Amino acid sequence: MPLPSWSVSSVADARAKTLARIHRVRTLQLGLTRADEARAHDKAASEQALSTRISGLAAAVAPVEQTAVAVSLGASAHYRERLQQSADAAVERVRSAEYQVARATDATRAAQRDQSAVEKLIARAQADAVIRELRALEETPAFRKIRHDPC
């Protein structure tokens, strides 16, 4: 039976090229999501450091027992209020940064799953190609070359 105009090997080659291209894209996507995750971790760390710094400043401006004039008490109350507002905003930024870290981590996991799925497809395609080659070898007729002794 003659082979059609497209052969099995050309289809396999096209599939291998497609899988290789998909693998390259998934690898790039994985690298980008890992970079996003690293940026999210860095932002969360900097927001946490800022929150800690603001908390320290608020503690430093806390009232102490001393005799002071009303103007300095009013000024320190004003600064405490402003620091408390900054601390509240910092806590919200930390929450937001932690949420972004969680999203980035999930995206990285999804990209890793996609890449490993493509790698499994490539491995399966290679195994199928090896099996096809073995079957083709089994189906070839056995030629036994008769060797003569030198005459």
C-alpha atoms as a PDB file:
ATOM      1  CA  MET A   1       0.000   0.000   0.000  1.00  0.00           C
ATOM      2  CA  PRO A   2       1.602   3.294  -1.007  1.00  0.00           C
ATOM      3  CA  LEU A   3       2.029   6.047   1.528  1.00  0.00           C
ATOM      4  CA  PRO A   4      -0.130   9.127   1.120  1.00  0.00           C
ATOM      5  CA  SER A   5       1.463  12.378   0.046  1.00  0.00           C
ATOM      6  CA  TRP A   6       2.091  13.177   3.684  1.00  0.00           C
ATOM      7  CA  SER A   7       4.045  10.583   5.524  1.00  0.00           C
ATOM      8  CA  VAL A   8       3.944   9.582   9.143  1.00  0.00           C
ATOM      9  CA  SER A   9       7.411  10.971   9.733  1.00  0.00           C
ATOM     10  CA  SER A  10       6.497  14.387   8.322  1.00  0.00           C
ATOM     11  CA  VAL A  11       3.472  14.547  10.628  1.00  0.00           C
ATOM     12  CA  ALA A  12       5.666  13.472  13.533  1.00  0.00           C
ATOM     13  CA  ASP A  13       8.264  16.094  12.590  1.00  0.00           C
ATOM     14  CA  ALA A  14       5.600  18.794  12.423  1.00  0.00           C
ATOM     15  CA  ARG A  15       4.229  17.677  15.781  1.00  0.00           C
ATOM     16  CA  ALA A  16       7.728  17.696  17.276  1.00  0.00           C
ATOM     17  CA  LYS A  17       8.338  21.213  15.965  1.00  0.00           C
ATOM     18  CA  THR A  18       5.016  22.380  17.367  1.00  0.00           C
ATOM     19  CA  LEU A  19       5.742  20.822  20.745  1.00  0.00           C
ATOM     20  CA  ALA A  20       9.221  22.369  20.770  1.00  0.00           C
ATOM     21  CA  ARG A  21       7.750  25.792  20.009  1.00  0.00           C
ATOM     22  CA  ILE A  22       5.108  25.384  22.719  1.00  0.00           C
ATOM     23  CA  HIS A  23       7.825  24.285  25.148  1.00  0.00           C
ATOM     24  CA  ARG A  24       9.886  27.409  24.372  1.00  0.00           C
ATOM     25  CA  VAL A  25       6.847  29.617  24.955  1.00  0.00           C
ATOM     26  CA  ARG A  26       5.952  27.869  28.213  1.00  0.00           C
ATOM     27  CA  THR A  27       9.557  28.158  29.382  1.00  0.00           C
ATOM     28  CA  LEU A  28       9.508  31.900  28.668  1.00  0.00           C
ATOM     29  CA  GLN A  29       6.196  32.243  30.470  1.00  0.00           C
ATOM     30  CA  LEU A  30       7.597  30.367  33.445  1.00  0.00           C
ATOM     31  CA  GLY A  31      10.592  32.704  33.573  1.00  0.00           C
ATOM     32  CA  LEU A  32       8.339  35.749  33.433  1.00  0.00           C
ATOM     33  CA  THR A  33       6.073  34.463  36.188  1.00  0.00           C
ATOM     34  CA  ARG A  34       9.082  33.634  38.353  1.00  0.00           C
ATOM     35  CA  ALA A  35      10.332  37.205  37.836  1.00  0.00           C
ATOM     36  CA  ASP A  36       6.887  38.558  38.766  1.00  0.00           C
ATOM     37  CA  GLU A  37       6.897  36.384  41.859  1.00  0.00           C
ATOM     38  CA  ALA A  38      10.345  37.640  42.865  1.00  0.00           C
ATOM     39  CA  ARG A  39       9.194  41.257  42.395  1.00  0.00           C
ATOM     40  CA  ALA A  40       6.106  40.552  44.500  1.00  0.00           C
ATOM     41  CA  HIS A  41       8.271  39.060  47.263  1.00  0.00           C
ATOM     42  CA  ASP A  42      10.589  42.078  47.136  1.00  0.00           C
ATOM     43  CA  LYS A  43       7.659  44.488  47.315  1.00  0.00           C
ATOM     44  CA  ALA A  44       6.141  42.583  50.244  1.00  0.00           C
ATOM     45  CA  ALA A  45       9.463  42.692  52.083  1.00  0.00           C
ATOM     46  CA  SER A  46       9.886  46.432  51.495  1.00  0.00           C
ATOM     47  CA  GLU A  47       6.292  47.135  52.575  1.00  0.00           C
ATOM     48  CA  GLN A  48       6.851  45.063  55.714  1.00  0.00           C
ATOM     49  CA  ALA A  49      10.065  46.967  56.447  1.00  0.00           C
ATOM     50  CA  LEU A  50       8.251  50.279  55.955  1.00  0.00           C
ATOM     51  CA  SER A  51       5.452  49.163  58.261  1.00  0.00           C
ATOM     52  CA  THR A  52       7.986  48.184  60.904  1.00  0.00           C
ATOM     53  CA  ARG A  53       9.752  51.532  60.548  1.00  0.00           C
ATOM     54  CA  ILE A  54       6.489  53.457  60.916  1.00  0.00           C
ATOM     55  CA  SER A  55       5.578  51.405  63.993  1.00  0.00           C
ATOM     56  CA  GLY A  56       8.958  52.258  65.498  1.00  0.00           C
ATOM     57  CA  LEU A  57       8.435  55.953  64.810  1.00  0.00           C
ATOM     58  CA  ALA A  58       4.960  55.824  66.351  1.00  0.00           C
ATOM     59  CA  ALA A  59       6.411  54.206  69.453  1.00  0.00           C
ATOM     60  CA  ALA A  60       9.109  56.871  69.641  1.00  0.00           C
ATOM     61  CA  VAL A  61       6.516  59.679  69.568  1.00  0.00           C
ATOM     62  CA  ALA A  62       4.320  58.005  72.183  1.00  0.00           C
ATOM     63  CA  PRO A  63       3.574  60.224  75.191  1.00  0.00           C
ATOM     64  CA  VAL A  64       5.919  60.012  78.156  1.00  0.00           C
ATOM     65  CA  GLU A  65       5.455  61.297  81.649  1.00  0.00           C
ATOM     66  CA  GLN A  66       6.939  64.713  81.690  1.00  0.00           C
ATOM     67  CA  THR A  67       5.854  68.221  82.193  1.00  0.00           C
ATOM     68  CA  ALA A  68       5.459  69.844  78.846  1.00  0.00           C
ATOM     69  CA  VAL A  69       3.714  72.797  77.418  1.00  0.00           C
ATOM     70  CA  ALA A  70       0.417  72.390  75.648  1.00  0.00           C
ATOM     71  CA  VAL A  71       1.933  73.301  72.295  1.00  0.00           C
ATOM     72  CA  SER A  72       4.397  70.401  72.381  1.00  0.00           C
ATOM     73  CA  LEU A  73       1.658  68.018  73.545  1.00  0.00           C
ATOM     74  CA  GLY A  74      -0.538  69.172  70.666  1.00  0.00           C
ATOM     75  CA  ALA A  75       2.291  68.776  68.184  1.00  0.00           C
ATOM     76  CA  SER A  76       3.154  65.305  69.409  1.00  0.00           C
ATOM     77  CA  ALA A  77      -0.551  64.337  69.285  1.00  0.00           C
ATOM     78  CA  HIS A  78      -0.692  65.591  65.711  1.00  0.00           C
ATOM     79  CA  TYR A  79       2.399  63.561  64.751  1.00  0.00           C
ATOM     80  CA  ARG A  80       1.049  60.478  66.521  1.00  0.00           C
ATOM     81  CA  GLU A  81      -2.205  60.797  64.601  1.00  0.00           C
ATOM     82  CA  ARG A  82      -0.359  61.177  61.299  1.00  0.00           C
ATOM     83  CA  LEU A  83       1.911  58.229  62.118  1.00  0.00           C
ATOM     84  CA  GLN A  84      -1.131  56.128  63.015  1.00  0.00           C
ATOM     85  CA  GLN A  85      -2.705  56.967  59.647  1.00  0.00           C
ATOM     86  CA  SER A  86       0.555  56.034  57.939  1.00  0.00           C
ATOM     87  CA  ALA A  87       0.724  52.811  59.952  1.00  0.00           C
ATOM     88  CA  ASP A  88      -2.835  51.902  58.928  1.00  0.00           C
ATOM     89  CA  ALA A  89      -2.002  52.607  55.280  1.00  0.00           C
ATOM     90  CA  ALA A  90       1.181  50.545  55.586  1.00  0.00           C
ATOM     91  CA  VAL A  91      -0.774  47.608  56.992  1.00  0.00           C
ATOM     92  CA  GLU A  92      -3.113  47.763  53.990  1.00  0.00           C
ATOM     93  CA  ARG A  93      -0.138  47.918  51.618  1.00  0.00           C
ATOM     94  CA  VAL A  94       1.395  44.883  53.350  1.00  0.00           C
ATOM     95  CA  ARG A  95      -1.887  42.973  52.958  1.00  0.00           C
ATOM     96  CA  SER A  96      -2.053  43.949  49.306  1.00  0.00           C
ATOM     97  CA  ALA A  97       1.577  42.927  48.745  1.00  0.00           C
ATOM     98  CA  GLU A  98       0.971  39.565  50.441  1.00  0.00           C
ATOM     99  CA  TYR A  99      -2.055  39.026  48.209  1.00  0.00           C
ATOM    100  CA  GLN A 100       0.069  39.811  45.154  1.00  0.00           C
ATOM    101  CA  VAL A 101       2.690  37.324  46.380  1.00  0.00           C
ATOM    102  CA  ALA A 102       0.017  34.640  46.680  1.00  0.00           C
ATOM    103  CA  ARG A 103      -1.272  35.397  43.164  1.00  0.00           C
ATOM    104  CA  ALA A 104       2.256  35.371  41.731  1.00  0.00           C
ATOM    105  CA  THR A 105       3.016  32.074  43.465  1.00  0.00           C
ATOM    106  CA  ASP A 106      -0.156  30.525  42.026  1.00  0.00           C
ATOM    107  CA  ALA A 107       0.734  31.841  38.565  1.00  0.00           C
ATOM    108  CA  THR A 108       4.216  30.337  38.863  1.00  0.00           C
ATOM    109  CA  ARG A 109       2.754  26.978  39.863  1.00  0.00           C
ATOM    110  CA  ALA A 110       0.375  27.089  36.906  1.00  0.00           C
ATOM    111  CA  ALA A 111       3.234  27.947  34.535  1.00  0.00           C
ATOM    112  CA  GLN A 112       5.293  25.072  35.946  1.00  0.00           C
ATOM    113  CA  ARG A 113       2.356  22.698  35.436  1.00  0.00           C
ATOM    114  CA  ASP A 114       1.964  23.887  31.849  1.00  0.00           C
ATOM    115  CA  GLN A 115       5.655  23.455  31.130  1.00  0.00           C
ATOM    116  CA  SER A 116       5.811  19.999  32.697  1.00  0.00           C
ATOM    117  CA  ALA A 117       2.718  18.959  30.714  1.00  0.00           C
ATOM    118  CA  VAL A 118       4.448  19.979  27.492  1.00  0.00           C
ATOM    119  CA  GLU A 119       7.598  18.125  28.577  1.00  0.00           C
ATOM    120  CA  LYS A 120       5.488  15.009  29.178  1.00  0.00           C
ATOM    121  CA  LEU A 121       3.937  15.356  25.726  1.00  0.00           C
ATOM    122  CA  ILE A 122       7.416  15.653  24.204  1.00  0.00           C
ATOM    123  CA  ALA A 123       8.591  12.567  26.081  1.00  0.00           C
ATOM    124  CA  ARG A 124       5.500  10.650  24.967  1.00  0.00           C
ATOM    125  CA  ALA A 125       6.036  11.717  21.352  1.00  0.00           C
ATOM    126  CA  GLN A 126       9.664  10.589  21.516  1.00  0.00           C
ATOM    127  CA  ALA A 127       8.642   7.251  23.000  1.00  0.00           C
ATOM    128  CA  ASP A 128       6.017   6.828  20.288  1.00  0.00           C
ATOM    129  CA  ALA A 129       8.635   7.598  17.635  1.00  0.00           C
ATOM    130  CA  VAL A 130      10.972   4.966  19.078  1.00  0.00           C
ATOM    131  CA  ILE A 131       8.157   2.411  19.141  1.00  0.00           C
ATOM    132  CA  ARG A 132       7.262   3.228  15.515  1.00  0.00           C
ATOM    133  CA  GLU A 133      10.885   2.766  14.495  1.00  0.00           C
ATOM    134  CA  LEU A 134      11.088  -0.574  16.313  1.00  0.00           C
ATOM    135  CA  ARG A 135       7.898  -1.775  14.618  1.00  0.00           C
ATOM    136  CA  ALA A 136       9.216  -0.637  11.257  1.00  0.00           C
ATOM    137  CA  LEU A 137      12.391  -2.636  11.888  1.00  0.00           C
ATOM    138  CA  GLU A 138      10.351  -5.684  12.874  1.00  0.00           C
ATOM    139  CA  GLU A 139       8.296  -5.449   9.697  1.00  0.00           C
ATOM    140  CA  THR A 140      11.280  -5.225   7.373  1.00  0.00           C
ATOM    141  CA  PRO A 141      12.052  -8.484   5.668  1.00  0.00           C
ATOM    142  CA  ALA A 142      15.060 -10.312   6.924  1.00  0.00           C
ATOM    143  CA  PHE A 143      17.731 -10.483   4.269  1.00  0.00           C
ATOM    144  CA  ARG A 144      20.364 -13.022   4.806  1.00  0.00           C
ATOM    145  CA  LYS A 145      23.397 -12.353   2.810  1.00  0.00           C
ATOM    146  CA  ILE A 146      25.171 -15.526   1.858  1.00  0.00           C
ATOM    147  CA  ARG A 147      28.829 -15.093   2.336  1.00  0.00           C
ATOM    148  CA  HIS A 148      31.129 -17.214   0.311  1.00  0.00           C
ATOM    149  CA  ASP A 149      34.571 -18.160   1.292  1.00  0.00           C
ATOM    150  CA  PRO A 150      37.185 -16.563  -0.854  1.00  0.00           C
ATOM    151  CA  CYS A 151      37.333 -18.546  -4.038  1.00  0.00           C
END
